[in-house]
């Protein structure tokens, strides 16, 4: 069962600051902020929300279909997706643009500051959900049963939400760092189209402020509202219930980059396989815990058997 993943493909340049941002920023001087952080280590990783979500869904044995736009520098990324047998046939390459680039600096308390160049991502609206549906039908491939709209170009996110709804494909609206691009009425319209909504706790507060609704009221408009809370686990609001999802303590905390996307990969796998929310949330939580023990968003490589064994060890039952 396939899932259509609409979102960004990006290269992540990840740097580590050995102090704390809070020690370098003077709150009373924030209006003339001019700071520099010494970053002794730097590396380049494959990233972007769609790429990361697809990578984690593929690890679990799911079938991700990526719909994204990349630049003329994307050949190494496309070759990597081919290596993992991830469907990249609906990734559009725009030669005159750069692939989206994220420059991420993480301090010793895992706070992050990110600069992001969207590049080809701004053209994501050129991709059409209808083309994926038609291609899958023509080639007798399994239809996309679920979708997710993750952070991407603004117009692309808007149009893909509408297109998934028109195609009758249940989907997760995952605004993430793209949430500030939409005002309250626009967010409410996209929420009404979505089947599920996923945010972290900070994004949840911003969503409530922009829409003027409490999260419990927002939850009534979707089949499930998923709120991730970092080391505190997550909450899933569905049918009037709030299901607490416990965290899985990580063996070691190395890098939080991509943990939210790993969670969403587990979320899609649970949906694909008809799992209940208690199980789906726990699997998603485990995927985030596995990811955080590795540098970069796509360097963890557990087998499906290893994931299943870790799940049973953490929760006492099998998924």
Protein backbone atom coordinates (compact mmCIF):
# COMPACT_ATOMS: atom_id res chain seq x y z
CA UNK A 1 0.00 0.00 0.00
CA UNK A 2 1.58 3.24 -1.17
CA UNK A 3 1.66 6.69 0.39
CA UNK A 4 2.13 9.89 -1.61
CA UNK A 5 4.59 12.20 0.13
CA UNK A 6 4.39 15.84 -0.93
CA UNK A 7 7.14 17.98 0.50
CA UNK A 8 10.70 19.19 0.18
CA UNK A 9 13.84 17.48 -1.00
CA UNK A 10 16.84 19.32 0.41
CA UNK A 11 20.49 19.16 1.22
CA UNK A 12 21.19 19.87 4.89
CA UNK A 13 24.42 21.54 5.93
CA UNK A 14 24.58 20.75 9.64
CA UNK A 15 26.86 22.56 12.06
CA UNK A 16 27.40 22.08 15.79
CA UNK A 17 27.90 24.99 18.19
CA UNK A 18 29.56 23.79 21.38
CA UNK A 19 27.89 26.39 23.61
CA UNK A 20 24.33 27.52 24.23
CA UNK A 21 22.56 30.02 22.02
CA UNK A 22 20.97 31.53 25.14
CA UNK A 23 24.40 32.50 26.46
CA UNK A 24 25.22 34.43 23.28
CA UNK A 25 21.97 36.33 22.74
CA UNK A 26 21.19 39.37 24.90
CA UNK A 27 17.39 39.62 25.19
CA UNK A 28 17.47 43.39 25.77
CA UNK A 29 19.53 43.84 22.56
CA UNK A 30 17.44 41.60 20.32
CA UNK A 31 16.46 44.60 18.16
CA UNK A 32 20.08 44.98 17.04
CA UNK A 33 20.95 41.30 16.98
CA UNK A 34 24.37 40.61 15.46
CA UNK A 35 25.83 37.29 16.56
CA UNK A 36 28.20 34.69 15.18
CA UNK A 37 28.55 31.12 16.38
CA UNK A 38 31.82 29.20 16.03
CA UNK A 39 30.98 25.78 14.57
CA UNK A 40 33.99 23.44 14.68
CA UNK A 41 32.20 20.62 12.84
CA UNK A 42 30.20 20.73 9.63
CA UNK A 43 28.78 18.10 7.30
CA UNK A 44 26.36 17.84 4.40
CA UNK A 45 23.43 15.43 4.59
CA UNK A 46 20.51 14.31 2.46
CA UNK A 47 17.37 15.86 3.93
CA UNK A 48 14.14 17.69 3.27
CA UNK A 49 10.84 16.64 4.82
CA UNK A 50 9.65 14.48 1.91
CA UNK A 51 13.02 12.75 1.59
CA UNK A 52 13.26 12.10 5.32
CA UNK A 53 9.69 10.84 5.68
CA UNK A 54 10.09 8.56 2.67
CA UNK A 55 13.38 7.21 4.00
CA UNK A 56 11.81 6.21 7.33
CA UNK A 57 8.66 4.78 5.75
CA UNK A 58 10.89 2.71 3.46
CA UNK A 59 12.89 1.41 6.46
CA UNK A 60 9.65 0.08 7.92
CA UNK A 61 8.70 -1.68 4.70
CA UNK A 62 6.19 0.89 3.47
CA UNK A 63 5.93 2.16 -0.09
CA UNK A 64 6.63 5.90 -0.33
CA UNK A 65 6.04 7.88 -3.52
CA UNK A 66 7.82 11.23 -3.40
CA UNK A 67 6.33 14.23 -5.21
CA UNK A 68 8.80 17.12 -5.05
CA UNK A 69 10.93 19.51 -7.08
CA UNK A 70 14.73 19.58 -7.11
CA UNK A 71 17.45 21.56 -8.83
CA UNK A 72 20.19 20.76 -11.29
CA UNK A 73 22.46 19.68 -8.42
CA UNK A 74 20.17 16.84 -7.31
CA UNK A 75 21.80 13.93 -9.14
CA UNK A 76 23.49 12.48 -6.00
CA UNK A 77 20.16 12.60 -4.16
CA UNK A 78 18.24 10.95 -7.00
CA UNK A 79 20.87 8.21 -7.19
CA UNK A 80 20.50 7.63 -3.46
CA UNK A 81 16.73 7.23 -3.74
CA UNK A 82 17.26 4.72 -6.54
CA UNK A 83 19.67 2.81 -4.31
CA UNK A 84 16.92 2.44 -1.70
CA UNK A 85 14.25 1.60 -4.32
CA UNK A 86 12.21 4.66 -3.32
CA UNK A 87 9.86 5.82 -6.07
CA UNK A 88 11.30 9.09 -7.40
CA UNK A 89 9.41 9.09 -10.70
CA UNK A 90 7.36 12.11 -9.61
CA UNK A 91 10.32 14.26 -8.60
CA UNK A 92 10.64 17.13 -11.07
CA UNK A 93 14.15 18.41 -11.79
CA UNK A 94 14.56 22.11 -12.62
CA UNK A 95 18.05 22.49 -14.03
CA UNK A 96 18.42 26.26 -13.57
CA UNK A 97 17.64 26.15 -9.85
CA UNK A 98 19.40 24.83 -6.78
CA UNK A 99 17.88 22.02 -4.77
CA UNK A 100 16.54 23.45 -1.50
CA UNK A 101 19.32 24.00 1.03
CA UNK A 102 19.01 24.06 4.83
CA UNK A 103 21.85 25.46 6.93
CA UNK A 104 21.25 24.15 10.45
CA UNK A 105 23.20 25.05 13.58
CA UNK A 106 22.57 23.00 16.73
CA UNK A 107 23.77 24.00 20.20
CA UNK A 108 24.72 21.69 23.05
CA UNK A 109 21.15 21.66 24.40
CA UNK A 110 19.76 20.61 20.98
CA UNK A 111 18.24 24.01 20.18
CA UNK A 112 18.47 24.79 16.49
CA UNK A 113 18.78 27.85 14.26
CA UNK A 114 18.13 27.23 10.57
CA UNK A 115 18.59 29.30 7.42
CA UNK A 116 16.74 27.88 4.44
CA UNK A 117 17.07 28.56 0.71
CA UNK A 118 13.98 27.12 -1.04
CA UNK A 119 15.40 27.01 -4.56
CA UNK A 120 13.49 24.56 -6.75
CA UNK A 121 11.06 23.91 -3.92
CA UNK A 122 9.27 27.14 -4.86
CA UNK A 123 8.11 25.39 -8.04
CA UNK A 124 6.50 22.44 -6.24
CA UNK A 125 3.04 23.52 -7.45
CA UNK A 126 4.06 22.34 -10.94
CA UNK A 127 3.58 18.78 -9.67
CA UNK A 128 0.02 17.46 -9.78
CA UNK A 129 -1.54 14.75 -7.64
CA UNK A 130 -3.71 13.78 -10.63
CA UNK A 131 -0.58 12.81 -12.58
CA UNK A 132 0.46 10.40 -9.83
CA UNK A 133 -3.02 8.87 -9.72
CA UNK A 134 -3.10 8.44 -13.51
CA UNK A 135 0.42 7.01 -13.73
CA UNK A 136 -0.21 4.48 -10.98
CA UNK A 137 -3.44 3.37 -12.65
CA UNK A 138 -1.89 3.12 -16.11
CA UNK A 139 1.01 0.99 -14.89
CA UNK A 140 -1.27 -1.15 -12.69
CA UNK A 141 0.69 -0.12 -9.61
CA UNK A 142 -1.11 0.05 -6.32
CA UNK A 143 -2.93 3.32 -5.87
CA UNK A 144 -1.74 5.78 -3.26
CA UNK A 145 -4.01 5.05 -0.31
CA UNK A 146 -2.71 7.83 1.93
CA UNK A 147 -0.87 11.08 1.50
CA UNK A 148 0.95 13.70 3.48
CA UNK A 149 1.51 17.38 2.71
CA UNK A 150 4.70 18.33 4.51
CA UNK A 151 6.58 21.67 4.37
CA UNK A 152 7.15 22.71 0.77
CA UNK A 153 6.60 25.75 -1.42
CA UNK A 154 3.58 27.74 -0.20
CA UNK A 155 1.57 27.40 -3.40
CA UNK A 156 2.49 23.73 -3.66
CA UNK A 157 1.26 22.99 -0.12
CA UNK A 158 -1.99 24.83 -0.79
CA UNK A 159 -2.69 23.13 -4.11
CA UNK A 160 -1.63 19.65 -3.03
CA UNK A 161 -3.99 19.72 -0.04
CA UNK A 162 -6.84 20.60 -2.38
CA UNK A 163 -5.77 18.05 -4.98
CA UNK A 164 -5.51 15.19 -2.48
CA UNK A 165 -8.97 16.04 -1.15
CA UNK A 166 -10.38 16.15 -4.68
CA UNK A 167 -8.78 12.77 -5.45
CA UNK A 168 -10.37 11.27 -2.34
CA UNK A 169 -7.00 10.35 -0.84
CA UNK A 170 -6.96 10.63 2.97
CA UNK A 171 -3.97 12.73 3.97
CA UNK A 172 -1.99 14.20 6.83
CA UNK A 173 -1.57 17.97 6.82
CA UNK A 174 1.86 18.54 8.35
CA UNK A 175 2.52 22.30 8.07
CA UNK A 176 5.70 22.25 10.14
CA UNK A 177 8.02 25.15 9.49
CA UNK A 178 5.72 26.17 6.63
CA UNK A 179 2.93 27.07 9.06
CA UNK A 180 3.85 30.79 9.29
CA UNK A 181 3.24 31.14 5.55
CA UNK A 182 -0.53 30.77 6.10
CA UNK A 183 -2.95 33.04 7.95
CA UNK A 184 -5.75 31.83 10.20
CA UNK A 185 -8.53 31.45 7.58
CA UNK A 186 -6.14 29.68 5.21
CA UNK A 187 -5.07 27.23 7.90
CA UNK A 188 -8.69 26.51 8.76
CA UNK A 189 -9.45 25.79 5.10
CA UNK A 190 -6.55 23.36 4.83
CA UNK A 191 -7.52 21.68 8.11
CA UNK A 192 -11.06 21.17 6.80
CA UNK A 193 -9.61 19.41 3.74
CA UNK A 194 -7.25 17.20 5.74
CA UNK A 195 -8.03 13.86 7.31
CA UNK A 196 -5.29 14.12 9.92
CA UNK A 197 -3.22 17.01 11.29
CA UNK A 198 0.31 16.71 12.70
CA UNK A 199 2.20 19.46 14.55
CA UNK A 200 4.77 19.74 17.29
CA UNK A 201 3.86 21.49 20.55
CA UNK A 202 5.31 24.85 19.43
CA UNK A 203 3.50 24.69 16.08
CA UNK A 204 0.34 23.73 17.93
CA UNK A 205 0.50 26.95 19.94
CA UNK A 206 1.07 28.99 16.78
CA UNK A 207 -1.82 27.20 15.07
CA UNK A 208 -4.12 28.02 17.98
CA UNK A 209 -3.08 31.69 17.94
CA UNK A 210 -3.56 32.05 14.18
CA UNK A 211 -6.91 30.27 13.98
CA UNK A 212 -8.30 31.56 17.28
CA UNK A 213 -9.26 27.98 18.18
CA UNK A 214 -8.05 25.73 20.95
CA UNK A 215 -6.31 22.55 19.87
CA UNK A 216 -9.21 20.51 21.26
CA UNK A 217 -11.55 22.41 18.95
CA UNK A 218 -9.19 21.91 16.01
CA UNK A 219 -9.12 18.19 16.80
CA UNK A 220 -12.87 18.02 16.25
CA UNK A 221 -12.34 19.00 12.60
CA UNK A 222 -10.07 16.06 11.71
CA UNK A 223 -10.05 12.34 12.37
CA UNK A 224 -6.92 12.75 14.46
CA UNK A 225 -4.68 15.57 15.67
CA UNK A 226 -1.14 14.46 16.47
CA UNK A 227 0.96 16.73 18.70
CA UNK A 228 4.58 15.70 19.19
CA UNK A 229 6.31 16.86 22.37
CA UNK A 230 9.94 15.92 21.92
CA UNK A 231 11.37 14.01 24.86
CA UNK A 232 7.91 13.96 26.48
CA UNK A 233 6.40 11.78 23.75
CA UNK A 234 3.24 12.79 21.93
CA UNK A 235 -0.52 13.17 22.20
CA UNK A 236 -3.06 11.94 19.68
CA UNK A 237 -6.50 13.53 19.87
CA UNK A 238 -9.13 11.40 18.14
CA UNK A 239 -12.89 11.00 18.58
CA UNK A 240 -12.93 12.97 21.81
CA UNK A 241 -10.06 11.04 23.39
CA UNK A 242 -6.54 12.18 24.12
CA UNK A 243 -4.14 9.26 23.77
CA UNK A 244 -0.81 9.79 25.52
CA UNK A 245 2.09 8.31 23.59
CA UNK A 246 5.12 7.66 25.80
CA UNK A 247 8.62 8.53 24.63
CA UNK A 248 11.17 5.83 23.97
CA UNK A 249 14.35 6.80 25.85
CA UNK A 250 17.20 7.06 23.38
CA UNK A 251 20.37 5.08 23.96
CA UNK A 252 22.22 8.35 23.32
CA UNK A 253 21.16 11.75 22.03
CA UNK A 254 23.30 12.71 19.05
CA UNK A 255 21.28 14.87 16.64
CA UNK A 256 17.58 15.86 16.66
CA UNK A 257 17.56 16.84 12.97
CA UNK A 258 14.87 14.83 11.20
CA UNK A 259 13.31 13.27 14.30
CA UNK A 260 9.90 14.77 13.49
CA UNK A 261 10.09 13.34 9.98
CA UNK A 262 11.05 9.92 11.35
CA UNK A 263 7.96 10.13 13.58
CA UNK A 264 5.82 10.88 10.53
CA UNK A 265 7.27 7.93 8.65
CA UNK A 266 6.04 5.71 11.47
CA UNK A 267 2.70 7.50 11.44
CA UNK A 268 2.19 6.75 7.74
CA UNK A 269 3.22 3.12 8.19
CA UNK A 270 0.62 2.72 10.93
CA UNK A 271 -2.05 4.24 8.70
CA UNK A 272 -1.04 2.05 5.75
CA UNK A 273 -1.39 -1.05 7.89
CA UNK A 274 -4.59 -0.17 9.72
CA UNK A 275 -3.00 0.00 13.17
CA UNK A 276 -4.85 1.63 16.06
CA UNK A 277 -3.63 5.00 17.28
CA UNK A 278 -2.00 3.59 20.41
CA UNK A 279 0.20 1.32 18.29
CA UNK A 280 0.76 3.83 15.49
CA UNK A 281 1.86 6.52 17.93
CA UNK A 282 4.25 4.18 19.70
CA UNK A 283 5.84 3.05 16.45
CA UNK A 284 6.22 6.68 15.38
CA UNK A 285 7.77 7.52 18.76
CA UNK A 286 10.23 4.66 18.39
CA UNK A 287 11.31 5.85 14.94
CA UNK A 288 12.12 9.27 16.37
CA UNK A 289 14.12 7.66 19.16
CA UNK A 290 16.09 5.53 16.70
CA UNK A 291 16.85 8.55 14.52
CA UNK A 292 18.13 10.78 17.32
CA UNK A 293 21.00 8.35 18.03
CA UNK A 294 22.55 9.12 14.62
CA UNK A 295 23.98 12.20 12.95
CA UNK A 296 21.88 13.54 10.11
CA UNK A 297 18.30 12.73 9.14
CA UNK A 298 18.99 9.63 6.99
CA UNK A 299 21.95 7.75 8.47
CA UNK A 300 20.11 5.32 10.75
CA UNK A 301 19.75 1.94 9.05
CA UNK A 302 17.95 -0.54 11.31
CA UNK A 303 16.42 -3.58 9.64
CA UNK A 304 12.70 -4.24 9.89
CA UNK A 305 13.44 -7.08 12.33
CA UNK A 306 15.54 -4.77 14.51
CA UNK A 307 12.77 -2.16 14.58
CA UNK A 308 10.22 -4.82 15.53
CA UNK A 309 12.48 -6.15 18.29
CA UNK A 310 13.06 -2.65 19.71
CA UNK A 311 9.33 -1.99 19.63
CA UNK A 312 8.56 -5.17 21.62
CA UNK A 313 11.31 -4.38 24.10
CA UNK A 314 10.01 -0.84 24.62
CA UNK A 315 6.29 -1.58 24.83
CA UNK A 316 5.90 -5.28 25.64
CA UNK A 317 3.91 -6.22 22.54
CA UNK A 318 4.40 -6.51 18.78
CA UNK A 319 2.94 -4.24 16.13
